[in-house]
Amino acid sequence: MNKQPLHIKFSHNYDALRMQEELNSCLKHEWPLHFKTSDFEGSWKSIALRSASGAMNDILAHPEINGYQDTPLLAKTPYIKSIIDSWKCDKEAVRLLSLAPGSRIKPHKDYGCAYKSGFFRIHVPLLTNEGVYFTIGDERLQLQEGECWYMDFSATHSVMNEGRSDRVHLIIDGIRNSWTDELFEQHGYRINDRQYDDNTKAGMIAELERMDTDVARAIIANLK
């Protein structure tokens, strides 16, 4: 059986200059270091547009928590908000992440962060340079400003910024639904929930039951 793609470059692009203009207002605030300090070397910082607490400095991704809220910063970024709203699905954390020159995100996996698991993560580069490389699986990619990408982060991935400027991405954590199914299918992702054998499905359901959230319960209902 052919494997699902580890990454998708969507056909639509966003206006990088408009995003960069709005980024300027975001840079006036404090950006905390990423919470997974063992996963990177150098400076990897973030600020939240949606968070579990509604605070800009709450940059944690909490898959076990219900009720993500827009932060005050989102109101100051109307174009970026329009991009987020164009994704017709429930969202969890939405953040801006900045990787400084000379910094690297070490090879690692993010468990459960794959479309087949019901959760997915979208990357939209606001700022980048020719020295930024994203590696997922055995592929080395360069994501350009304004592009829109899905990555299967349950696979091993890493990032290196060998350039002289910051790399800043908009990161949207979304919940799979019929609208996203159609979009992913249009870009080569094969939607077939019957591909799971009974043991795999049972394991997925057990993990979702441990999360005990409304979103997890909705995914369990679909799996059953």
N, C-alpha and C. Protein backbone atom coordinates (compact mmCIF):
# COMPACT_ATOMS: atom_id res chain seq x y z
N MET A 1 0.84 -1.19 0.00
CA MET A 1 0.00 0.00 0.00
C MET A 1 0.88 1.25 0.00
N ASN A 2 0.57 2.23 -0.84
CA ASN A 2 1.33 3.47 -0.89
C ASN A 2 1.12 4.27 0.39
N LYS A 3 2.17 4.91 0.85
CA LYS A 3 2.08 5.72 2.05
C LYS A 3 1.47 7.08 1.73
N GLN A 4 0.86 7.66 2.77
CA GLN A 4 0.36 9.02 2.62
C GLN A 4 1.54 9.99 2.55
N PRO A 5 1.38 11.13 1.88
CA PRO A 5 2.48 12.10 1.79
C PRO A 5 2.84 12.66 3.16
N LEU A 6 4.14 12.88 3.37
CA LEU A 6 4.60 13.49 4.61
C LEU A 6 4.42 15.00 4.60
N HIS A 7 4.20 15.56 3.42
CA HIS A 7 3.99 17.01 3.33
C HIS A 7 3.14 17.33 2.11
N ILE A 8 2.42 18.45 2.20
CA ILE A 8 1.60 18.95 1.09
C ILE A 8 1.85 20.43 0.97
N LYS A 9 2.16 20.89 -0.23
CA LYS A 9 2.19 22.32 -0.52
C LYS A 9 0.86 22.66 -1.16
N PHE A 10 0.04 23.44 -0.46
CA PHE A 10 -1.28 23.78 -0.98
C PHE A 10 -1.16 24.79 -2.13
N SER A 11 -2.16 24.82 -2.97
CA SER A 11 -2.10 25.62 -4.20
C SER A 11 -2.27 27.11 -3.94
N HIS A 12 -2.88 27.48 -2.82
CA HIS A 12 -3.09 28.90 -2.56
C HIS A 12 -1.89 29.51 -1.84
N ASN A 13 -1.65 30.78 -2.12
CA ASN A 13 -0.57 31.54 -1.50
C ASN A 13 -1.17 32.78 -0.82
N TYR A 14 -0.46 33.27 0.19
CA TYR A 14 -0.89 34.45 0.92
C TYR A 14 0.08 35.60 0.69
N ASP A 15 -0.37 36.81 1.00
CA ASP A 15 0.41 38.02 0.74
C ASP A 15 1.46 38.20 1.84
N ALA A 16 2.71 37.88 1.50
CA ALA A 16 3.79 37.93 2.50
C ALA A 16 4.02 39.35 3.03
N LEU A 17 3.92 40.35 2.16
CA LEU A 17 4.15 41.72 2.59
C LEU A 17 3.11 42.17 3.62
N ARG A 18 1.86 41.82 3.41
CA ARG A 18 0.81 42.18 4.38
C ARG A 18 1.05 41.46 5.70
N MET A 19 1.46 40.22 5.64
CA MET A 19 1.75 39.49 6.88
C MET A 19 2.94 40.12 7.60
N GLN A 20 3.96 40.52 6.85
CA GLN A 20 5.14 41.13 7.47
C GLN A 20 4.81 42.47 8.11
N GLU A 21 3.91 43.23 7.49
CA GLU A 21 3.48 44.50 8.09
C GLU A 21 2.82 44.26 9.45
N GLU A 22 1.97 43.24 9.50
CA GLU A 22 1.30 42.94 10.77
C GLU A 22 2.26 42.32 11.78
N LEU A 23 3.27 41.63 11.29
CA LEU A 23 4.27 41.06 12.18
C LEU A 23 4.97 42.15 12.99
N ASN A 24 5.14 43.33 12.40
CA ASN A 24 5.82 44.43 13.10
C ASN A 24 5.16 44.76 14.43
N SER A 25 3.80 44.75 14.45
CA SER A 25 3.10 45.03 15.71
C SER A 25 3.30 43.91 16.72
N CYS A 26 3.45 42.70 16.22
CA CYS A 26 3.66 41.55 17.11
C CYS A 26 5.05 41.60 17.76
N LEU A 27 6.01 42.14 17.04
CA LEU A 27 7.38 42.17 17.54
C LEU A 27 7.57 43.17 18.68
N LYS A 28 6.56 43.99 18.94
CA LYS A 28 6.62 44.94 20.05
C LYS A 28 6.40 44.25 21.40
N HIS A 29 5.96 43.00 21.35
CA HIS A 29 5.66 42.25 22.56
C HIS A 29 6.77 41.24 22.86
N GLU A 30 6.75 40.73 24.07
CA GLU A 30 7.73 39.71 24.49
C GLU A 30 7.37 38.36 23.86
N TRP A 31 8.36 37.70 23.26
CA TRP A 31 8.19 36.37 22.68
C TRP A 31 8.92 35.36 23.58
N PRO A 32 8.21 34.52 24.30
CA PRO A 32 8.89 33.53 25.15
C PRO A 32 9.63 32.50 24.31
N LEU A 33 10.69 31.94 24.91
CA LEU A 33 11.38 30.81 24.28
C LEU A 33 10.43 29.62 24.19
N HIS A 34 10.59 28.82 23.15
CA HIS A 34 9.78 27.62 23.00
C HIS A 34 9.94 26.72 24.22
N PHE A 35 8.84 26.08 24.63
CA PHE A 35 8.84 25.32 25.87
C PHE A 35 9.63 24.02 25.79
N LYS A 36 9.84 23.48 24.59
CA LYS A 36 10.61 22.24 24.46
C LYS A 36 12.09 22.58 24.28
N THR A 37 12.72 22.98 25.37
CA THR A 37 14.10 23.48 25.28
C THR A 37 15.09 22.41 24.83
N SER A 38 14.78 21.14 25.04
CA SER A 38 15.69 20.07 24.62
C SER A 38 15.63 19.82 23.12
N ASP A 39 14.63 20.41 22.44
CA ASP A 39 14.43 20.15 21.01
C ASP A 39 15.17 21.14 20.11
N PHE A 40 15.85 22.14 20.68
CA PHE A 40 16.48 23.12 19.81
C PHE A 40 17.78 23.65 20.40
N GLU A 41 18.59 24.25 19.53
CA GLU A 41 19.81 24.96 19.93
C GLU A 41 19.72 26.37 19.38
N GLY A 42 20.10 27.36 20.18
CA GLY A 42 20.01 28.75 19.75
C GLY A 42 18.77 29.41 20.31
N SER A 43 18.04 30.12 19.47
CA SER A 43 16.85 30.87 19.91
C SER A 43 15.66 30.50 19.04
N TRP A 44 14.65 29.91 19.68
CA TRP A 44 13.39 29.53 19.02
C TRP A 44 12.27 30.09 19.90
N LYS A 45 11.64 31.17 19.44
CA LYS A 45 10.67 31.90 20.25
C LYS A 45 9.29 31.87 19.60
N SER A 46 8.28 32.19 20.42
CA SER A 46 6.91 32.11 19.93
C SER A 46 6.02 33.12 20.65
N ILE A 47 4.90 33.45 20.01
CA ILE A 47 3.85 34.27 20.62
C ILE A 47 2.52 33.74 20.11
N ALA A 48 1.49 33.79 20.95
CA ALA A 48 0.23 33.13 20.64
C ALA A 48 -0.82 34.09 20.08
N LEU A 49 -1.50 33.64 19.02
CA LEU A 49 -2.68 34.32 18.49
C LEU A 49 -3.96 33.65 19.00
N ARG A 50 -3.87 32.36 19.31
CA ARG A 50 -4.91 31.60 20.02
C ARG A 50 -4.18 30.74 21.04
N SER A 51 -4.73 30.68 22.25
CA SER A 51 -4.12 29.85 23.28
C SER A 51 -5.20 29.32 24.21
N ALA A 52 -4.81 28.36 25.03
CA ALA A 52 -5.77 27.77 25.96
C ALA A 52 -6.26 28.77 26.99
N SER A 53 -5.39 29.71 27.39
CA SER A 53 -5.75 30.69 28.41
C SER A 53 -6.22 32.01 27.82
N GLY A 54 -5.95 32.23 26.51
CA GLY A 54 -6.24 33.51 25.91
C GLY A 54 -5.11 34.52 26.07
N ALA A 55 -3.99 34.08 26.64
CA ALA A 55 -2.84 34.96 26.85
C ALA A 55 -1.85 34.82 25.71
N MET A 56 -1.21 35.94 25.34
CA MET A 56 -0.24 35.92 24.24
C MET A 56 1.00 35.11 24.59
N ASN A 57 1.37 35.09 25.89
CA ASN A 57 2.59 34.39 26.27
C ASN A 57 2.35 32.93 26.62
N ASP A 58 1.11 32.45 26.44
CA ASP A 58 0.79 31.04 26.64
C ASP A 58 1.01 30.34 25.30
N ILE A 59 2.22 29.82 25.09
CA ILE A 59 2.58 29.25 23.79
C ILE A 59 2.52 27.73 23.79
N LEU A 60 2.00 27.15 24.88
CA LEU A 60 1.91 25.69 24.95
C LEU A 60 0.81 25.17 24.02
N ALA A 61 1.05 24.00 23.48
CA ALA A 61 0.00 23.29 22.74
C ALA A 61 -0.58 22.26 23.70
N HIS A 62 -1.86 22.39 24.04
CA HIS A 62 -2.49 21.55 25.06
C HIS A 62 -3.54 20.65 24.41
N PRO A 63 -3.19 19.50 23.88
CA PRO A 63 -4.20 18.68 23.23
C PRO A 63 -5.26 18.17 24.17
N GLU A 64 -5.00 18.22 25.49
CA GLU A 64 -5.96 17.69 26.46
C GLU A 64 -6.90 18.75 26.98
N ILE A 65 -6.78 19.99 26.50
CA ILE A 65 -7.56 21.10 27.06
C ILE A 65 -8.64 21.56 26.07
N ASN A 66 -9.84 21.79 26.58
CA ASN A 66 -10.93 22.33 25.77
C ASN A 66 -10.87 23.86 25.74
N GLY A 67 -11.46 24.46 24.71
CA GLY A 67 -11.78 25.87 24.74
C GLY A 67 -10.64 26.82 24.48
N TYR A 68 -9.98 26.70 23.34
CA TYR A 68 -8.96 27.68 22.97
C TYR A 68 -9.63 29.03 22.70
N GLN A 69 -8.88 30.12 22.99
CA GLN A 69 -9.42 31.47 22.86
C GLN A 69 -8.47 32.32 22.02
N ASP A 70 -9.05 33.30 21.32
CA ASP A 70 -8.23 34.29 20.63
C ASP A 70 -7.50 35.14 21.67
N THR A 71 -6.26 35.50 21.39
CA THR A 71 -5.53 36.40 22.27
C THR A 71 -5.72 37.84 21.78
N PRO A 72 -5.41 38.86 22.61
CA PRO A 72 -5.56 40.26 22.17
C PRO A 72 -4.74 40.58 20.92
N LEU A 73 -3.67 39.84 20.70
CA LEU A 73 -2.80 40.12 19.56
C LEU A 73 -3.51 39.85 18.23
N LEU A 74 -4.45 38.91 18.23
CA LEU A 74 -5.12 38.54 16.97
C LEU A 74 -5.89 39.73 16.40
N ALA A 75 -6.46 40.56 17.28
CA ALA A 75 -7.22 41.72 16.82
C ALA A 75 -6.32 42.75 16.12
N LYS A 76 -5.03 42.69 16.37
CA LYS A 76 -4.08 43.62 15.77
C LYS A 76 -3.51 43.10 14.45
N THR A 77 -3.96 41.91 14.05
CA THR A 77 -3.44 41.29 12.83
C THR A 77 -4.61 40.83 11.95
N PRO A 78 -5.39 41.76 11.40
CA PRO A 78 -6.61 41.38 10.69
C PRO A 78 -6.35 40.52 9.44
N TYR A 79 -5.26 40.77 8.73
CA TYR A 79 -5.01 39.94 7.53
C TYR A 79 -4.65 38.52 7.94
N ILE A 80 -3.79 38.39 8.93
CA ILE A 80 -3.45 37.05 9.42
C ILE A 80 -4.69 36.36 9.96
N LYS A 81 -5.56 37.10 10.64
CA LYS A 81 -6.82 36.50 11.13
C LYS A 81 -7.67 35.99 9.98
N SER A 82 -7.68 36.72 8.86
CA SER A 82 -8.47 36.27 7.70
C SER A 82 -7.92 34.95 7.15
N ILE A 83 -6.62 34.77 7.23
CA ILE A 83 -6.02 33.50 6.79
C ILE A 83 -6.48 32.37 7.70
N ILE A 84 -6.40 32.62 9.01
CA ILE A 84 -6.83 31.61 9.98
C ILE A 84 -8.30 31.27 9.78
N ASP A 85 -9.14 32.30 9.61
CA ASP A 85 -10.58 32.08 9.44
C ASP A 85 -10.91 31.36 8.15
N SER A 86 -10.03 31.45 7.14
CA SER A 86 -10.30 30.79 5.86
C SER A 86 -10.22 29.27 5.98
N TRP A 87 -9.63 28.79 7.05
CA TRP A 87 -9.60 27.34 7.32
C TRP A 87 -10.87 26.99 8.09
N LYS A 88 -11.81 26.37 7.40
CA LYS A 88 -13.15 26.13 7.94
C LYS A 88 -13.16 24.88 8.82
N CYS A 89 -12.48 24.99 9.94
CA CYS A 89 -12.41 23.89 10.88
C CYS A 89 -12.13 24.47 12.27
N ASP A 90 -12.31 23.66 13.30
CA ASP A 90 -11.96 24.08 14.65
C ASP A 90 -10.44 24.19 14.75
N LYS A 91 -9.99 25.19 15.50
CA LYS A 91 -8.55 25.38 15.71
C LYS A 91 -8.21 25.28 17.19
N GLU A 92 -7.03 24.76 17.43
CA GLU A 92 -6.50 24.76 18.79
C GLU A 92 -5.48 25.91 18.88
N ALA A 93 -4.22 25.62 19.16
CA ALA A 93 -3.22 26.67 19.26
C ALA A 93 -2.94 27.28 17.89
N VAL A 94 -2.79 28.60 17.86
CA VAL A 94 -2.32 29.32 16.66
C VAL A 94 -1.22 30.25 17.14
N ARG A 95 -0.03 30.09 16.55
CA ARG A 95 1.13 30.82 17.06
C ARG A 95 1.98 31.36 15.92
N LEU A 96 2.82 32.33 16.25
CA LEU A 96 3.92 32.75 15.39
C LEU A 96 5.19 32.21 16.03
N LEU A 97 6.02 31.52 15.24
CA LEU A 97 7.26 30.95 15.76
C LEU A 97 8.44 31.53 15.00
N SER A 98 9.46 31.97 15.73
CA SER A 98 10.63 32.61 15.15
C SER A 98 11.89 31.81 15.49
N LEU A 99 12.64 31.45 14.45
CA LEU A 99 13.90 30.73 14.62
C LEU A 99 15.03 31.67 14.19
N ALA A 100 15.91 32.01 15.14
CA ALA A 100 16.94 33.01 14.90
C ALA A 100 18.06 32.45 14.02
N PRO A 101 18.83 33.34 13.39
CA PRO A 101 19.98 32.89 12.59
C PRO A 101 20.94 32.04 13.42
N GLY A 102 21.46 30.99 12.81
CA GLY A 102 22.39 30.10 13.49
C GLY A 102 21.73 29.10 14.43
N SER A 103 20.40 29.08 14.49
CA SER A 103 19.67 28.18 15.39
C SER A 103 19.17 26.96 14.62
N ARG A 104 18.91 25.90 15.35
CA ARG A 104 18.37 24.70 14.71
C ARG A 104 17.39 24.00 15.63
N ILE A 105 16.37 23.44 15.04
CA ILE A 105 15.43 22.56 15.73
C ILE A 105 15.89 21.14 15.46
N LYS A 106 16.19 20.41 16.51
CA LYS A 106 16.77 19.08 16.38
C LYS A 106 15.75 18.08 15.83
N PRO A 107 16.23 16.99 15.22
CA PRO A 107 15.31 15.95 14.75
C PRO A 107 14.45 15.43 15.90
N HIS A 108 13.14 15.41 15.69
CA HIS A 108 12.22 14.92 16.71
C HIS A 108 10.89 14.58 16.04
N LYS A 109 9.98 13.97 16.81
CA LYS A 109 8.64 13.66 16.35
C LYS A 109 7.63 14.30 17.30
N ASP A 110 6.48 14.70 16.76
CA ASP A 110 5.37 15.21 17.57
C ASP A 110 4.25 14.19 17.50
N TYR A 111 4.11 13.41 18.54
CA TYR A 111 3.16 12.30 18.53
C TYR A 111 1.73 12.78 18.27
N GLY A 112 1.05 12.11 17.35
CA GLY A 112 -0.36 12.40 17.08
C GLY A 112 -0.60 13.59 16.19
N CYS A 113 0.47 14.30 15.77
CA CYS A 113 0.31 15.50 14.96
C CYS A 113 0.39 15.13 13.48
N ALA A 114 -0.63 14.38 13.04
CA ALA A 114 -0.71 13.92 11.66
C ALA A 114 -2.17 13.89 11.24
N TYR A 115 -2.43 14.15 9.99
CA TYR A 115 -3.82 14.25 9.54
C TYR A 115 -4.61 12.98 9.82
N LYS A 116 -3.98 11.83 9.66
CA LYS A 116 -4.68 10.56 9.87
C LYS A 116 -5.13 10.39 11.32
N SER A 117 -4.52 11.16 12.24
CA SER A 117 -4.88 11.07 13.65
C SER A 117 -6.01 12.03 14.03
N GLY A 118 -6.44 12.86 13.06
CA GLY A 118 -7.52 13.80 13.33
C GLY A 118 -7.06 15.20 13.66
N PHE A 119 -5.76 15.39 13.82
CA PHE A 119 -5.17 16.70 14.11
C PHE A 119 -4.17 17.01 13.01
N PHE A 120 -4.00 18.27 12.69
CA PHE A 120 -3.01 18.63 11.68
C PHE A 120 -2.44 20.01 11.97
N ARG A 121 -1.24 20.25 11.42
CA ARG A 121 -0.54 21.51 11.65
C ARG A 121 -0.17 22.13 10.31
N ILE A 122 -0.54 23.41 10.15
CA ILE A 122 -0.28 24.16 8.92
C ILE A 122 0.83 25.18 9.19
N HIS A 123 1.77 25.27 8.22
CA HIS A 123 2.84 26.27 8.28
C HIS A 123 2.67 27.28 7.15
N VAL A 124 2.70 28.55 7.49
CA VAL A 124 2.70 29.64 6.51
C VAL A 124 3.91 30.52 6.81
N PRO A 125 4.96 30.51 5.98
CA PRO A 125 6.13 31.34 6.23
C PRO A 125 5.83 32.83 6.03
N LEU A 126 6.12 33.65 7.05
CA LEU A 126 6.04 35.10 6.92
C LEU A 126 7.39 35.68 6.50
N LEU A 127 8.44 35.18 7.14
CA LEU A 127 9.81 35.60 6.84
C LEU A 127 10.68 34.36 6.73
N THR A 128 11.55 34.33 5.74
CA THR A 128 12.50 33.23 5.62
C THR A 128 13.70 33.72 4.82
N ASN A 129 14.66 32.85 4.61
CA ASN A 129 15.82 33.19 3.81
C ASN A 129 16.37 31.93 3.15
N GLU A 130 17.35 32.10 2.28
CA GLU A 130 17.86 30.97 1.49
C GLU A 130 18.61 29.95 2.34
N GLY A 131 18.94 30.33 3.58
CA GLY A 131 19.66 29.41 4.45
C GLY A 131 18.78 28.59 5.38
N VAL A 132 17.46 28.68 5.20
CA VAL A 132 16.53 27.91 6.04
C VAL A 132 16.16 26.61 5.33
N TYR A 133 16.36 25.50 6.01
CA TYR A 133 16.04 24.19 5.45
C TYR A 133 15.16 23.42 6.43
N PHE A 134 14.12 22.82 5.89
CA PHE A 134 13.19 21.99 6.66
C PHE A 134 13.38 20.56 6.17
N THR A 135 13.71 19.65 7.07
CA THR A 135 13.88 18.25 6.70
C THR A 135 12.79 17.43 7.36
N ILE A 136 12.08 16.64 6.57
CA ILE A 136 11.07 15.72 7.10
C ILE A 136 11.25 14.38 6.40
N GLY A 137 11.34 13.31 7.20
CA GLY A 137 11.70 12.03 6.62
C GLY A 137 13.09 12.15 6.02
N ASP A 138 13.20 11.81 4.74
CA ASP A 138 14.48 11.92 4.04
C ASP A 138 14.49 13.10 3.07
N GLU A 139 13.48 13.98 3.16
CA GLU A 139 13.37 15.08 2.20
C GLU A 139 13.79 16.41 2.84
N ARG A 140 14.52 17.20 2.05
CA ARG A 140 14.96 18.52 2.49
C ARG A 140 14.19 19.56 1.68
N LEU A 141 13.48 20.45 2.38
CA LEU A 141 12.58 21.39 1.73
C LEU A 141 12.97 22.82 2.08
N GLN A 142 12.61 23.72 1.18
CA GLN A 142 12.71 25.15 1.46
C GLN A 142 11.32 25.76 1.25
N LEU A 143 10.71 26.20 2.33
CA LEU A 143 9.38 26.80 2.29
C LEU A 143 9.54 28.29 2.04
N GLN A 144 8.80 28.80 1.06
CA GLN A 144 8.93 30.20 0.66
C GLN A 144 7.86 31.07 1.32
N GLU A 145 8.15 32.36 1.45
CA GLU A 145 7.23 33.30 2.08
C GLU A 145 5.87 33.30 1.35
N GLY A 146 4.80 33.23 2.12
CA GLY A 146 3.45 33.26 1.58
C GLY A 146 2.90 31.92 1.19
N GLU A 147 3.74 30.88 1.15
CA GLU A 147 3.23 29.55 0.82
C GLU A 147 2.49 28.95 2.01
N CYS A 148 1.79 27.85 1.75
CA CYS A 148 0.99 27.18 2.78
C CYS A 148 1.29 25.68 2.72
N TRP A 149 1.73 25.12 3.83
CA TRP A 149 2.18 23.73 3.86
C TRP A 149 1.53 22.96 5.01
N TYR A 150 1.26 21.69 4.75
CA TYR A 150 0.95 20.71 5.79
C TYR A 150 2.16 19.80 5.93
N MET A 151 2.49 19.45 7.17
CA MET A 151 3.55 18.49 7.45
C MET A 151 3.02 17.42 8.39
N ASP A 152 3.40 16.18 8.14
CA ASP A 152 3.07 15.09 9.06
C ASP A 152 4.16 15.07 10.14
N PHE A 153 3.88 15.74 11.25
CA PHE A 153 4.90 15.91 12.28
C PHE A 153 5.04 14.69 13.18
N SER A 154 4.28 13.62 12.89
CA SER A 154 4.55 12.37 13.59
C SER A 154 5.78 11.68 12.99
N ALA A 155 6.24 12.17 11.83
CA ALA A 155 7.49 11.71 11.23
C ALA A 155 8.65 12.55 11.78
N THR A 156 9.85 12.02 11.71
CA THR A 156 11.02 12.76 12.18
C THR A 156 11.23 14.00 11.30
N HIS A 157 11.43 15.15 11.97
CA HIS A 157 11.62 16.39 11.23
C HIS A 157 12.58 17.31 12.00
N SER A 158 13.18 18.24 11.26
CA SER A 158 14.14 19.18 11.86
C SER A 158 14.19 20.43 10.99
N VAL A 159 14.73 21.51 11.55
CA VAL A 159 14.85 22.78 10.83
C VAL A 159 16.21 23.40 11.15
N MET A 160 16.84 23.99 10.15
CA MET A 160 18.10 24.70 10.33
C MET A 160 17.98 26.08 9.70
N ASN A 161 18.39 27.11 10.46
CA ASN A 161 18.47 28.46 9.91
C ASN A 161 19.94 28.85 9.81
N GLU A 162 20.52 28.68 8.62
CA GLU A 162 21.91 29.04 8.38
C GLU A 162 22.04 30.43 7.78
N GLY A 163 20.91 31.16 7.70
CA GLY A 163 20.92 32.49 7.11
C GLY A 163 21.28 33.56 8.12
N ARG A 164 21.03 34.81 7.71
CA ARG A 164 21.39 35.96 8.55
C ARG A 164 20.17 36.70 9.09
N SER A 165 18.99 36.15 8.89
CA SER A 165 17.76 36.79 9.37
C SER A 165 16.86 35.74 10.02
N ASP A 166 15.90 36.22 10.82
CA ASP A 166 14.98 35.32 11.49
C ASP A 166 14.08 34.60 10.49
N ARG A 167 13.69 33.41 10.84
CA ARG A 167 12.63 32.70 10.13
C ARG A 167 11.40 32.76 11.01
N VAL A 168 10.29 33.31 10.47
CA VAL A 168 9.04 33.43 11.23
C VAL A 168 7.92 32.74 10.47
N HIS A 169 7.24 31.80 11.12
CA HIS A 169 6.12 31.09 10.51
C HIS A 169 4.85 31.30 11.32
N LEU A 170 3.71 31.34 10.62
CA LEU A 170 2.39 31.22 11.24
C LEU A 170 2.09 29.73 11.32
N ILE A 171 1.75 29.25 12.53
CA ILE A 171 1.46 27.84 12.76
C ILE A 171 0.01 27.70 13.21
N ILE A 172 -0.78 26.95 12.46
CA ILE A 172 -2.19 26.74 12.79
C ILE A 172 -2.40 25.26 13.12
N ASP A 173 -2.87 24.97 14.33
CA ASP A 173 -3.23 23.61 14.71
C ASP A 173 -4.73 23.43 14.49
N GLY A 174 -5.08 22.55 13.56
CA GLY A 174 -6.49 22.37 13.19
C GLY A 174 -7.01 20.98 13.51
N ILE A 175 -8.34 20.88 13.50
CA ILE A 175 -9.03 19.61 13.74
C ILE A 175 -9.69 19.17 12.44
N ARG A 176 -9.41 17.96 12.04
CA ARG A 176 -9.92 17.42 10.79
C ARG A 176 -11.45 17.41 10.75
N ASN A 177 -12.01 17.76 9.60
CA ASN A 177 -13.45 17.63 9.37
C ASN A 177 -13.69 17.37 7.88
N SER A 178 -14.94 17.39 7.44
CA SER A 178 -15.25 17.07 6.04
C SER A 178 -14.69 18.13 5.09
N TRP A 179 -14.67 19.40 5.53
CA TRP A 179 -14.11 20.46 4.68
C TRP A 179 -12.63 20.23 4.45
N THR A 180 -11.89 19.91 5.52
CA THR A 180 -10.46 19.67 5.35
C THR A 180 -10.20 18.37 4.59
N ASP A 181 -11.06 17.36 4.78
CA ASP A 181 -10.93 16.13 4.00
C ASP A 181 -10.95 16.43 2.51
N GLU A 182 -11.90 17.25 2.09
CA GLU A 182 -12.02 17.58 0.67
C GLU A 182 -10.78 18.33 0.17
N LEU A 183 -10.30 19.27 0.98
CA LEU A 183 -9.11 20.03 0.60
C LEU A 183 -7.88 19.13 0.48
N PHE A 184 -7.70 18.27 1.45
CA PHE A 184 -6.54 17.38 1.42
C PHE A 184 -6.63 16.41 0.24
N GLU A 185 -7.82 15.90 -0.04
CA GLU A 185 -7.99 15.01 -1.19
C GLU A 185 -7.63 15.72 -2.49
N GLN A 186 -8.01 16.99 -2.61
CA GLN A 186 -7.69 17.76 -3.81
C GLN A 186 -6.19 17.92 -4.00
N HIS A 187 -5.43 17.76 -2.93
CA HIS A 187 -3.98 17.91 -3.00
C HIS A 187 -3.25 16.58 -2.84
N GLY A 188 -3.95 15.48 -3.14
CA GLY A 188 -3.29 14.18 -3.25
C GLY A 188 -3.29 13.31 -2.02
N TYR A 189 -4.01 13.71 -0.98
CA TYR A 189 -4.08 12.89 0.23
C TYR A 189 -5.29 11.97 0.10
N ARG A 190 -5.06 10.68 0.26
CA ARG A 190 -6.14 9.70 0.08
C ARG A 190 -6.91 9.51 1.38
N ILE A 191 -8.17 9.93 1.39
CA ILE A 191 -9.02 9.80 2.57
C ILE A 191 -9.68 8.44 2.54
N ASN A 192 -9.31 7.61 3.49
CA ASN A 192 -9.90 6.27 3.56
C ASN A 192 -9.80 5.79 4.99
N ASP A 193 -10.79 6.13 5.81
CA ASP A 193 -10.75 5.77 7.22
C ASP A 193 -10.81 4.26 7.43
N ARG A 194 -11.20 3.50 6.40
CA ARG A 194 -11.27 2.06 6.56
C ARG A 194 -9.90 1.41 6.46
N GLN A 195 -8.86 2.21 6.21
CA GLN A 195 -7.51 1.65 6.11
C GLN A 195 -7.01 1.13 7.45
N TYR A 196 -7.61 1.56 8.56
CA TYR A 196 -7.14 1.14 9.87
C TYR A 196 -7.65 -0.27 10.19
N ASP A 197 -6.75 -1.15 10.63
CA ASP A 197 -7.21 -2.44 11.10
C ASP A 197 -7.77 -2.28 12.51
N ASP A 198 -8.38 -3.34 13.02
CA ASP A 198 -9.07 -3.24 14.31
C ASP A 198 -8.12 -2.87 15.44
N ASN A 199 -6.92 -3.41 15.44
CA ASN A 199 -5.97 -3.12 16.51
C ASN A 199 -5.52 -1.66 16.48
N THR A 200 -5.24 -1.15 15.26
CA THR A 200 -4.83 0.24 15.13
C THR A 200 -5.94 1.18 15.58
N LYS A 201 -7.16 0.88 15.14
CA LYS A 201 -8.29 1.73 15.51
C LYS A 201 -8.52 1.71 17.03
N ALA A 202 -8.38 0.53 17.63
CA ALA A 202 -8.57 0.42 19.08
C ALA A 202 -7.53 1.25 19.82
N GLY A 203 -6.28 1.24 19.33
CA GLY A 203 -5.23 2.03 19.95
C GLY A 203 -5.50 3.52 19.83
N MET A 204 -5.98 3.96 18.65
CA MET A 204 -6.30 5.36 18.45
C MET A 204 -7.42 5.80 19.40
N ILE A 205 -8.45 4.95 19.50
CA ILE A 205 -9.58 5.28 20.36
C ILE A 205 -9.15 5.36 21.82
N ALA A 206 -8.27 4.45 22.25
CA ALA A 206 -7.80 4.46 23.63
C ALA A 206 -7.05 5.75 23.94
N GLU A 207 -6.20 6.20 23.00
CA GLU A 207 -5.44 7.43 23.20
C GLU A 207 -6.37 8.64 23.25
N LEU A 208 -7.37 8.67 22.37
CA LEU A 208 -8.32 9.78 22.35
C LEU A 208 -9.16 9.81 23.63
N GLU A 209 -9.51 8.63 24.13
CA GLU A 209 -10.29 8.57 25.38
C GLU A 209 -9.49 9.13 26.55
N ARG A 210 -8.16 8.96 26.53
CA ARG A 210 -7.33 9.52 27.59
C ARG A 210 -7.32 11.04 27.54
N MET A 211 -7.45 11.62 26.32
CA MET A 211 -7.50 13.07 26.19
C MET A 211 -8.77 13.64 26.82
N ASP A 212 -9.90 12.92 26.66
CA ASP A 212 -11.17 13.29 27.29
C ASP A 212 -11.58 14.73 26.99
N THR A 213 -11.60 15.09 25.70
CA THR A 213 -12.06 16.41 25.28
C THR A 213 -13.22 16.24 24.31
N ASP A 214 -13.95 17.33 24.06
CA ASP A 214 -15.06 17.27 23.10
C ASP A 214 -14.56 16.89 21.71
N VAL A 215 -13.42 17.47 21.31
CA VAL A 215 -12.85 17.15 19.99
C VAL A 215 -12.49 15.68 19.91
N ALA A 216 -11.83 15.17 20.95
CA ALA A 216 -11.44 13.75 20.96
C ALA A 216 -12.66 12.85 20.87
N ARG A 217 -13.72 13.21 21.60
CA ARG A 217 -14.93 12.39 21.57
C ARG A 217 -15.59 12.41 20.19
N ALA A 218 -15.51 13.56 19.50
CA ALA A 218 -16.07 13.64 18.15
C ALA A 218 -15.29 12.75 17.19
N ILE A 219 -13.96 12.72 17.34
CA ILE A 219 -13.15 11.87 16.47
C ILE A 219 -13.43 10.40 16.77
N ILE A 220 -13.60 10.05 18.04
CA ILE A 220 -13.94 8.67 18.41
C ILE A 220 -15.23 8.24 17.74
N ALA A 221 -16.22 9.14 17.75
CA ALA A 221 -17.51 8.81 17.12
C ALA A 221 -17.33 8.54 15.64
N ASN A 222 -16.49 9.32 14.97
CA ASN A 222 -16.24 9.10 13.54
C ASN A 222 -15.53 7.78 13.31
N LEU A 223 -14.57 7.45 14.16
CA LEU A 223 -13.84 6.20 14.01
C LEU A 223 -14.75 4.98 14.19
N LYS A 224 -15.72 5.11 15.09
CA LYS A 224 -16.62 3.99 15.34
C LYS A 224 -17.68 3.87 14.26
